[in-house]
Protein backbone atom coordinates (compact mmCIF):
# COMPACT_ATOMS: atom_id res chain seq x y z
CA MET A 1 0.00 0.00 0.00
CA ASP A 2 2.85 2.31 0.78
CA ALA A 3 4.03 1.59 -2.66
CA PHE A 4 0.72 2.56 -4.08
CA ALA A 5 0.78 5.60 -1.96
CA SER A 6 4.23 6.57 -3.15
CA PHE A 7 2.99 6.56 -6.75
CA GLY A 8 -0.10 8.52 -5.71
CA LEU A 9 -2.47 5.73 -6.18
CA ASP A 10 -5.40 4.94 -4.07
CA PRO A 11 -5.31 1.47 -2.88
CA ALA A 12 -9.07 1.47 -2.45
CA ASP A 13 -9.57 2.36 -6.11
CA PRO A 14 -10.68 -0.72 -7.91
CA TRP A 15 -9.10 0.41 -11.12
CA VAL A 16 -5.83 0.45 -9.35
CA TRP A 17 -6.33 -3.08 -8.36
CA MET A 18 -7.42 -3.94 -11.79
CA VAL A 19 -4.38 -2.29 -13.32
CA GLY A 20 -2.17 -3.93 -10.78
CA ALA A 21 -3.77 -7.22 -11.49
CA ALA A 22 -3.25 -6.64 -15.20
CA VAL A 23 0.36 -5.68 -14.66
CA LEU A 24 0.83 -8.72 -12.56
CA GLY A 25 -0.85 -10.83 -15.17
CA VAL A 26 1.37 -9.33 -17.85
CA LEU A 27 4.34 -9.97 -15.62
CA PHE A 28 3.31 -13.52 -15.03
CA LEU A 29 2.58 -13.90 -18.72
CA PHE A 30 6.05 -12.54 -19.55
CA LEU A 31 7.58 -14.92 -17.13
CA ALA A 32 5.56 -17.76 -18.60
CA VAL A 33 6.55 -16.70 -22.12
CA LEU A 34 10.14 -16.41 -20.98
CA ARG A 35 9.97 -19.87 -19.53
CA ALA A 36 8.18 -21.17 -22.62
CA SER A 37 10.78 -19.58 -24.84
CA ARG A 38 13.51 -21.14 -22.74
CA ARG A 39 11.71 -24.45 -22.97
CA ALA A 40 11.10 -23.90 -26.68
CA ALA A 41 14.76 -23.05 -27.11
CA ALA A 42 15.72 -26.17 -25.17
CA ALA A 43 13.26 -28.17 -27.26
CA ALA A 44 14.33 -26.46 -30.53
CA GLU A 45 17.97 -27.46 -30.16
CA PRO A 46 17.36 -31.11 -31.13
CA LEU A 47 14.84 -29.88 -33.70
CA GLU A 48 17.45 -27.58 -35.17
CA HIS A 49 19.94 -30.43 -35.10
CA HIS A 50 17.39 -32.64 -36.76
CA ILE A 51 16.60 -29.88 -39.26
CA SER A 52 20.30 -29.46 -39.95
CA GLN A 53 20.56 -33.19 -40.43
CA LEU A 54 17.53 -33.05 -42.69
CA THR A 55 19.10 -30.16 -44.54
CA GLU A 56 22.37 -32.13 -44.90
CA GLY A 57 20.34 -35.16 -45.96
CA LEU A 58 18.49 -33.01 -48.47
CA ARG A 59 21.81 -31.65 -49.69
CA LEU A 60 23.24 -35.16 -49.97
CA LEU A 61 19.99 -36.26 -51.57
CA ALA A 62 20.29 -33.41 -54.05
CA GLU A 63 23.91 -34.35 -54.73
CA ASN A 64 22.93 -38.02 -55.07
CA GLN A 65 20.05 -36.98 -57.26
CA GLN A 66 22.47 -34.93 -59.35
CA ALA A 67 24.89 -37.86 -59.44
CA MET A 68 22.03 -40.17 -60.22
CA LYS A 69 20.95 -37.82 -62.96
CA GLY A 70 24.50 -37.87 -64.36
CA GLY A 71 24.53 -41.66 -64.04
CA LEU A 72 21.14 -41.81 -65.70
CA ASP A 73 22.41 -39.53 -68.47
CA THR A 74 25.52 -41.69 -68.82
CA LEU A 75 23.36 -44.79 -68.68
CA GLY A 76 21.03 -43.23 -71.26
CA GLN A 77 23.96 -42.40 -73.49
CA ALA A 78 25.44 -45.88 -72.98
CA GLN A 79 22.02 -47.35 -73.62
CA ALA A 80 21.69 -45.17 -76.72
CA ARG A 81 25.14 -46.30 -77.88
CA THR A 82 24.22 -49.87 -77.00
CA MET A 83 20.96 -49.51 -78.88
CA GLN A 84 22.83 -48.00 -81.81
CA THR A 85 25.39 -50.82 -81.69
CA VAL A 86 22.59 -53.34 -81.35
CA GLU A 87 20.77 -51.71 -84.24
CA GLN A 88 23.96 -51.78 -86.32
CA ARG A 89 24.58 -55.39 -85.38
CA LEU A 90 20.97 -56.21 -86.02
CA GLY A 91 21.26 -54.46 -89.39
CA HIS A 92 24.48 -56.37 -90.14
CA VAL A 93 22.93 -59.63 -88.95
CA GLN A 94 19.81 -58.84 -90.94
CA SER A 95 21.97 -58.11 -94.00
CA GLN A 96 23.90 -61.34 -93.46
CA MET A 97 20.66 -63.18 -92.92
CA GLN A 98 19.26 -61.69 -96.10
CA GLU A 99 22.43 -62.61 -97.99
CA ARG A 100 22.38 -66.12 -96.55
CA LEU A 101 18.70 -66.41 -97.26
CA HIS A 102 19.40 -65.21 -100.79
CA GLU A 103 22.30 -67.65 -101.15
CA ASN A 104 20.19 -70.41 -99.66
CA ALA A 105 17.40 -69.48 -102.04
CA LEU A 106 19.85 -69.55 -104.95
CA LYS A 107 21.31 -72.84 -103.72
CA THR A 108 17.83 -74.22 -103.24
CA THR A 109 16.87 -73.02 -106.70
CA ARG A 110 20.00 -74.54 -108.21
CA ALA A 111 19.49 -77.71 -106.21
CA MET A 112 15.89 -77.86 -107.32
CA THR A 113 16.98 -77.20 -110.91
CA ASP A 114 19.68 -79.88 -110.68
CA LEU A 115 17.21 -82.19 -108.99
CA GLN A 116 14.65 -81.53 -111.69
CA ALA A 117 17.30 -82.10 -114.37
CA GLU A 118 18.47 -85.23 -112.59
CA LEU A 119 14.89 -86.36 -112.22
CA ARG A 120 14.31 -85.65 -115.90
CA ASP A 121 17.49 -87.52 -116.80
CA THR A 122 16.56 -90.31 -114.43
CA LEU A 123 13.06 -90.47 -115.80
CA ALA A 124 14.42 -90.32 -119.33
CA GLY A 125 17.00 -92.98 -118.46
CA ASN A 126 14.36 -95.08 -116.73
CA SER A 127 12.07 -94.59 -119.70
CA GLU A 128 14.88 -95.52 -122.05
CA LYS A 129 15.84 -98.47 -119.85
CA THR A 130 12.19 -99.47 -119.61
CA THR A 131 11.84 -99.19 -123.37
CA LYS A 132 15.08 -101.10 -123.83
CA SER A 133 13.99 -103.69 -121.27
CA LEU A 134 10.63 -104.03 -122.96
CA THR A 135 12.38 -104.34 -126.31
CA GLN A 136 14.75 -106.93 -124.88
CA LEU A 137 11.80 -108.63 -123.23
CA GLN A 138 9.99 -108.71 -126.55
CA GLU A 139 13.13 -110.03 -128.21
CA ARG A 140 13.51 -112.64 -125.50
CA LEU A 141 9.86 -113.51 -125.79
CA ALA A 142 10.40 -113.85 -129.51
CA VAL A 143 13.45 -116.02 -128.79
CA ILE A 144 11.38 -118.00 -126.30
CA ASP A 145 8.67 -118.37 -128.92
CA ARG A 146 11.24 -119.56 -131.42
CA ALA A 147 12.76 -121.82 -128.77
CA GLN A 148 9.27 -123.08 -127.98
CA GLY A 149 8.80 -123.80 -131.63
CA LYS A 150 12.17 -125.52 -131.73
CA ILE A 151 11.26 -127.45 -128.58
CA GLU A 152 8.02 -128.52 -130.17
CA LYS A 153 9.90 -129.44 -133.29
CA LEU A 154 12.52 -131.19 -131.16
CA SER A 155 9.75 -133.03 -129.34
CA GLY A 156 8.49 -134.17 -132.68
CA ASP A 157 12.04 -135.07 -133.68
CA VAL A 158 12.46 -136.98 -130.41
CA LEU A 159 9.27 -138.85 -131.09
CA SER A 160 10.51 -139.48 -134.60
CA LEU A 161 13.86 -140.56 -133.16
CA GLN A 162 12.08 -142.89 -130.79
CA ASP A 163 10.19 -144.29 -133.73
CA ILE A 164 13.47 -144.65 -135.60
CA LEU A 165 15.26 -146.28 -132.68
CA SER A 166 12.39 -148.63 -132.03
CA ASN A 167 13.02 -150.28 -135.39
CA LYS A 168 16.18 -152.35 -135.74
CA GLN A 169 16.84 -151.46 -139.37
CA THR A 170 16.22 -147.75 -138.94
CA ARG A 171 18.33 -147.79 -135.77
CA GLY A 172 21.20 -149.30 -137.77
CA ALA A 173 20.78 -146.62 -140.43
CA PHE A 174 20.85 -143.94 -137.71
CA GLY A 175 24.18 -145.29 -136.39
CA GLU A 176 25.63 -145.41 -139.91
CA ILE A 177 24.62 -141.80 -140.62
CA GLN A 178 26.16 -140.61 -137.36
CA LEU A 179 29.34 -142.58 -138.09
CA ASN A 180 29.60 -141.17 -141.62
CA ASP A 181 29.16 -137.64 -140.31
CA ILE A 182 31.95 -138.06 -137.73
CA VAL A 183 34.33 -139.64 -140.26
CA ALA A 184 33.62 -136.91 -142.84
CA LYS A 185 34.51 -134.25 -140.29
CA ALA A 186 37.72 -135.94 -139.17
CA LEU A 187 39.24 -137.26 -142.41
CA PRO A 188 39.71 -135.93 -145.95
CA PRO A 189 37.34 -137.40 -148.58
CA ASP A 190 40.01 -139.59 -150.18
CA ALA A 191 40.98 -141.15 -146.86
CA PHE A 192 37.86 -143.34 -146.42
CA THR A 193 35.11 -145.14 -148.30
CA THR A 194 31.54 -145.69 -147.11
CA GLN A 195 29.74 -148.96 -147.79
CA ALA A 196 32.99 -150.43 -149.13
CA GLN A 197 32.61 -153.97 -150.47
CA LEU A 198 35.24 -156.47 -149.33
CA SER A 199 36.48 -159.58 -151.06
CA ASN A 200 34.20 -161.78 -148.96
CA GLY A 201 31.13 -159.93 -150.24
CA ARG A 202 30.51 -158.03 -147.03
CA ARG A 203 29.93 -154.26 -147.05
CA ALA A 204 31.65 -152.24 -144.38
CA ASP A 205 29.96 -149.10 -143.08
CA VAL A 206 33.29 -147.18 -143.31
CA LEU A 207 36.68 -148.37 -144.60
CA VAL A 208 39.55 -146.07 -143.60
CA HIS A 209 42.50 -146.31 -146.01
CA LEU A 210 45.37 -146.51 -143.56
CA PRO A 211 48.85 -147.27 -144.96
CA ALA A 212 50.39 -150.64 -144.27
CA PRO A 213 50.99 -151.35 -141.53
CA PRO A 214 48.37 -151.61 -140.20
CA GLY A 215 46.44 -151.34 -143.47
CA PRO A 216 42.79 -150.44 -144.18
CA ILE A 217 40.62 -150.70 -141.10
CA VAL A 218 36.85 -151.18 -140.93
CA ILE A 219 34.48 -149.23 -138.68
CA ASP A 220 31.07 -150.81 -138.27
CA ALA A 221 28.15 -149.22 -136.39
CA LYS A 222 26.20 -151.31 -133.86
CA PHE A 223 23.46 -150.19 -131.49
CA PRO A 224 22.35 -152.70 -128.78
CA LEU A 225 19.51 -150.46 -127.62
CA GLU A 226 16.90 -153.01 -126.49
CA ALA A 227 19.22 -154.69 -124.00
CA TYR A 228 20.44 -151.35 -122.65
CA GLU A 229 16.91 -149.99 -122.20
CA ALA A 230 15.89 -153.20 -120.48
CA LEU A 231 18.87 -152.77 -118.14
CA ARG A 232 17.93 -149.18 -117.36
CA ALA A 233 14.28 -150.12 -116.81
CA ALA A 234 15.06 -153.06 -114.52
CA SER A 235 13.54 -152.59 -111.05
CA THR A 236 14.54 -155.83 -109.35
CA PRO A 237 17.90 -157.61 -109.04
CA ALA A 238 16.56 -160.50 -111.14
CA ASP A 239 15.54 -158.11 -113.94
CA THR A 240 18.91 -156.38 -113.71
CA GLN A 241 20.78 -159.69 -114.01
CA ALA A 242 18.63 -160.78 -116.93
CA ALA A 243 19.09 -157.48 -118.75
CA GLY A 244 22.86 -157.59 -118.06
CA ARG A 245 23.10 -161.08 -119.55
CA ALA A 246 21.13 -159.90 -122.60
CA LEU A 247 23.44 -156.90 -123.05
CA ARG A 248 26.55 -159.10 -122.76
CA THR A 249 25.15 -161.54 -125.29
CA SER A 250 24.21 -158.79 -127.74
CA VAL A 251 27.56 -156.96 -127.55
CA ARG A 252 29.59 -160.19 -127.78
CA LYS A 253 27.59 -161.22 -130.85
CA HIS A 254 28.33 -157.87 -132.48
CA VAL A 255 32.03 -158.23 -131.64
CA SER A 256 32.09 -161.75 -133.06
CA ASP A 257 30.33 -160.70 -136.26
CA ILE A 258 32.72 -157.80 -136.85
CA ALA A 259 35.79 -159.97 -136.22
CA GLU A 260 34.47 -162.61 -138.57
CA ARG A 261 33.31 -160.34 -141.38
CA TYR A 262 35.68 -157.35 -141.42
CA ILE A 263 39.10 -158.69 -140.41
CA ILE A 264 40.63 -160.29 -143.53
CA ASP A 265 44.29 -161.26 -143.72
CA GLY A 266 46.15 -159.38 -146.42
CA GLU A 267 43.21 -157.10 -147.18
CA THR A 268 42.34 -155.25 -143.99
CA ALA A 269 44.10 -154.41 -140.78
CA GLU A 270 44.43 -156.94 -138.01
CA GLY A 271 41.66 -155.26 -136.07
CA ALA A 272 38.39 -153.38 -136.53
CA LEU A 273 36.32 -150.77 -134.72
CA MET A 274 32.77 -151.19 -133.41
CA PHE A 275 31.03 -147.79 -133.26
CA LEU A 276 28.38 -147.28 -130.57
CA PRO A 277 26.25 -144.19 -131.38
CA SER A 278 25.43 -143.70 -127.68
CA GLU A 279 27.86 -142.40 -125.04
CA ALA A 280 25.58 -143.83 -122.35
CA VAL A 281 25.86 -147.38 -123.71
CA TYR A 282 29.63 -146.96 -124.08
CA ALA A 283 29.94 -145.71 -120.49
CA GLU A 284 27.75 -148.52 -119.19
CA LEU A 285 29.94 -151.13 -120.88
CA HIS A 286 33.20 -149.72 -119.50
CA ALA A 287 31.71 -149.16 -116.05
CA ASN A 288 29.88 -152.43 -115.43
CA PHE A 289 30.82 -154.81 -118.26
CA ALA A 290 34.61 -154.74 -118.37
CA ASP A 291 34.67 -158.43 -119.31
CA VAL A 292 32.86 -157.66 -122.56
CA VAL A 293 35.37 -154.91 -123.37
CA ARG A 294 38.24 -157.35 -122.69
CA ASP A 295 36.58 -159.90 -124.98
CA GLY A 296 36.55 -157.22 -127.70
CA PHE A 297 40.26 -156.58 -127.15
CA ALA A 298 40.93 -160.31 -127.40
CA ALA A 299 39.00 -160.47 -130.69
CA ARG A 300 40.86 -157.31 -131.88
CA VAL A 301 37.61 -155.37 -132.06
CA TRP A 302 37.85 -152.05 -130.28
CA ILE A 303 34.61 -150.46 -129.06
CA VAL A 304 34.40 -146.69 -129.62
CA SER A 305 31.83 -143.99 -128.85
CA PRO A 306 31.31 -140.75 -130.84
CA THR A 307 33.91 -138.96 -128.71
CA THR A 308 36.57 -141.69 -128.70
CA CYS A 309 35.88 -142.37 -132.40
CA MET A 310 36.73 -138.75 -133.21
CA ALA A 311 39.97 -139.03 -131.22
CA THR A 312 40.86 -142.27 -132.97
CA LEU A 313 40.16 -140.78 -136.40
CA ASN A 314 42.37 -137.78 -135.62
CA THR A 315 45.18 -140.21 -134.75
CA MET A 316 44.59 -142.01 -138.06
CA ARG A 317 44.73 -138.69 -139.88
CA ALA A 318 48.12 -137.95 -138.31
CA VAL A 319 49.38 -141.39 -139.41
CA MET A 320 48.17 -140.76 -142.98
CA LYS A 321 49.81 -137.33 -143.05
CA ASP A 322 53.12 -138.78 -141.84
CA HIS A 323 52.95 -141.54 -144.46
CA ARG A 324 52.24 -139.08 -147.24
CA MET A 325 55.13 -136.91 -146.12
CA LYS A 326 57.43 -139.96 -146.25
CA GLU A 327 56.15 -140.77 -149.75
CA GLN A 328 56.89 -137.22 -150.82
CA ALA A 329 60.33 -137.17 -149.16
CA GLY A 330 62.14 -137.67 -152.53
CA ALA A 331 60.21 -134.89 -154.20
CA ILE A 332 60.84 -132.70 -151.17
CA ARG A 333 64.61 -133.38 -151.37
CA LYS A 334 64.58 -132.55 -155.08
CA GLU A 335 62.74 -129.33 -154.48
CA LEU A 336 65.16 -128.49 -151.66
CA GLY A 337 68.11 -128.99 -154.07
CA LEU A 338 66.53 -126.69 -156.62
CA LEU A 339 65.81 -124.20 -153.86
CA GLY A 340 69.51 -124.31 -152.84
CA LYS A 341 70.61 -123.52 -156.41
CA ASP A 342 68.11 -120.66 -156.54
CA VAL A 343 69.58 -119.30 -153.30
CA GLU A 344 73.13 -119.50 -154.75
CA ARG A 345 72.09 -117.61 -157.87
CA LEU A 346 70.34 -115.06 -155.69
CA GLU A 347 73.52 -114.54 -153.62
CA THR A 348 75.60 -114.02 -156.83
CA ARG A 349 73.14 -111.50 -158.20
CA VAL A 350 72.95 -109.68 -154.87
CA GLY A 351 76.77 -109.40 -154.87
CA ASN A 352 76.73 -107.98 -158.40
CA LEU A 353 74.03 -105.51 -157.43
CA ASP A 354 76.04 -104.50 -154.34
CA ARG A 355 79.09 -103.75 -156.53
CA HIS A 356 76.95 -101.67 -158.86
CA PHE A 357 75.60 -99.76 -155.91
CA ALA A 358 79.15 -99.14 -154.60
CA GLN A 359 80.29 -97.82 -158.03
CA ALA A 360 77.17 -95.64 -158.27
CA ALA A 361 77.84 -94.26 -154.78
CA LYS A 362 81.44 -93.38 -155.79
CA ASP A 363 80.22 -91.65 -158.94
CA ILE A 364 77.68 -89.69 -156.90
CA ASP A 365 80.41 -88.54 -154.50
CA ASP A 366 82.56 -87.33 -157.46
CA ILE A 367 79.58 -85.47 -158.88
CA LYS A 368 78.97 -83.82 -155.48
CA ILE A 369 82.64 -82.62 -155.36
CA SER A 370 82.50 -81.18 -158.91
CA ALA A 371 79.17 -79.53 -158.20
CA SER A 372 80.55 -77.94 -155.04
CA LYS A 373 83.56 -76.51 -156.93
CA ALA A 374 81.37 -75.24 -159.76
CA GLY A 375 79.06 -73.57 -157.28
CA ALA A 376 81.94 -71.82 -155.51
CA ARG A 377 83.33 -70.57 -158.85
CA ALA A 378 79.94 -69.28 -159.93
CA HIS A 379 79.64 -67.38 -156.64
CA ARG A 380 83.05 -65.69 -157.14
CA LEU A 381 82.16 -64.79 -160.74
CA ASP A 382 78.91 -63.32 -159.54
CA SER A 383 80.80 -61.07 -157.05
CA PHE A 384 83.52 -60.07 -159.63
CA ASP A 385 86.23 -61.59 -157.49
CA PHE A 386 88.51 -62.52 -160.42
CA ASP A 387 91.69 -62.42 -158.33
CA ALA A 388 90.42 -65.20 -156.15
CA LEU A 389 89.93 -67.51 -159.08
CA ASP A 390 92.02 -70.66 -158.91
CA PRO A 391 94.05 -71.12 -162.07
CA GLY A 392 93.81 -74.80 -161.58
CA GLY A 393 90.05 -74.54 -161.50
CA THR A 394 89.97 -74.46 -165.30
CA GLU A 395 91.00 -78.05 -165.29
CA ASP A 396 88.19 -78.82 -162.90
CA LEU A 397 85.71 -77.09 -165.19
CA ALA A 398 87.17 -78.88 -168.17
CA GLN A 399 86.97 -82.14 -166.25
CA LEU A 400 83.41 -81.34 -165.20
CA SER A 401 82.44 -80.58 -168.79
CA GLY A 402 84.19 -83.72 -169.89
CA ASP A 403 82.36 -85.72 -167.24
CA ALA A 404 79.12 -84.16 -168.33
């Protein structure tokens, strides 16, 4: 109150109290604000630190963003270069692919063309081969047709041959014809006689005119077919023995007849040949009837087949040729003597001709020498080289003119 009184204020005045209360309130408010500011300052320190950190973070973020932007630009440029390189490579690859595709297309086209040509050639070749094969097939069919005709004809001939062989007389004629054909092929015409009549009135199928010894030899054809066919058709041992006995009897009879009829002392050779027209019969005799063959040897009748008869006739032909050469030995010696004289005359005449040639060669050499000298002189005269003339050359010219 004394304070109020010192300022001249009435403590009982309500306005004074109100003003005092207001001043006190302002004072308290100032103190509160001061405290709040202190508190705010104390609280703002970490906030400022945080804000500074945020500011530093923002700065770093800006720098990172700038760096990132540079990296992105660099990455964009690298990506652009990469894209450009990729595009170039893609263009190059595309060009190569197009070239390869073009080459492959050309190769495929050429391959297809070659294949078509090959197919055409193959088809043409196959067509030609088919045509040729068909032609050959037709030719072979024609050959087969002709062969069929020949087979049919041969069948008829076989039937005819069977008919011929079934008859004894015709079978004998068949053997004689075969024998005559073989002899005609092996010997010259003047070396044999067919159906030759002997002094005993018998006719030999073939008489071969061999020189003595051994002398003319008779070949007679025999064909014991019935006994052989019976032997081949035998189905039991008894039939085989019976047919074998019949074959032995038939062949021995033929051997005996030939020895009796065609071996004549002083007229024919000391033996004769029995011709069997069948190789099968001949083989059967030598295989299973050796005793019959030995009986023929004993009777000096040698059994021959078409093959062995040809060999025997060739041997006879060699004997005849040797005999004729011996007969002509005198004439050959005479001709050799005349030939020797002709050779001597030829040697003399060749010697004379050689001397003439030698003289002609010498004359030609002399002519060459004179011609050479005359040519040299004519050359000197042509060049007016009279000083070089050889005085002795006049003699050469005179000699040349004299030789001319």
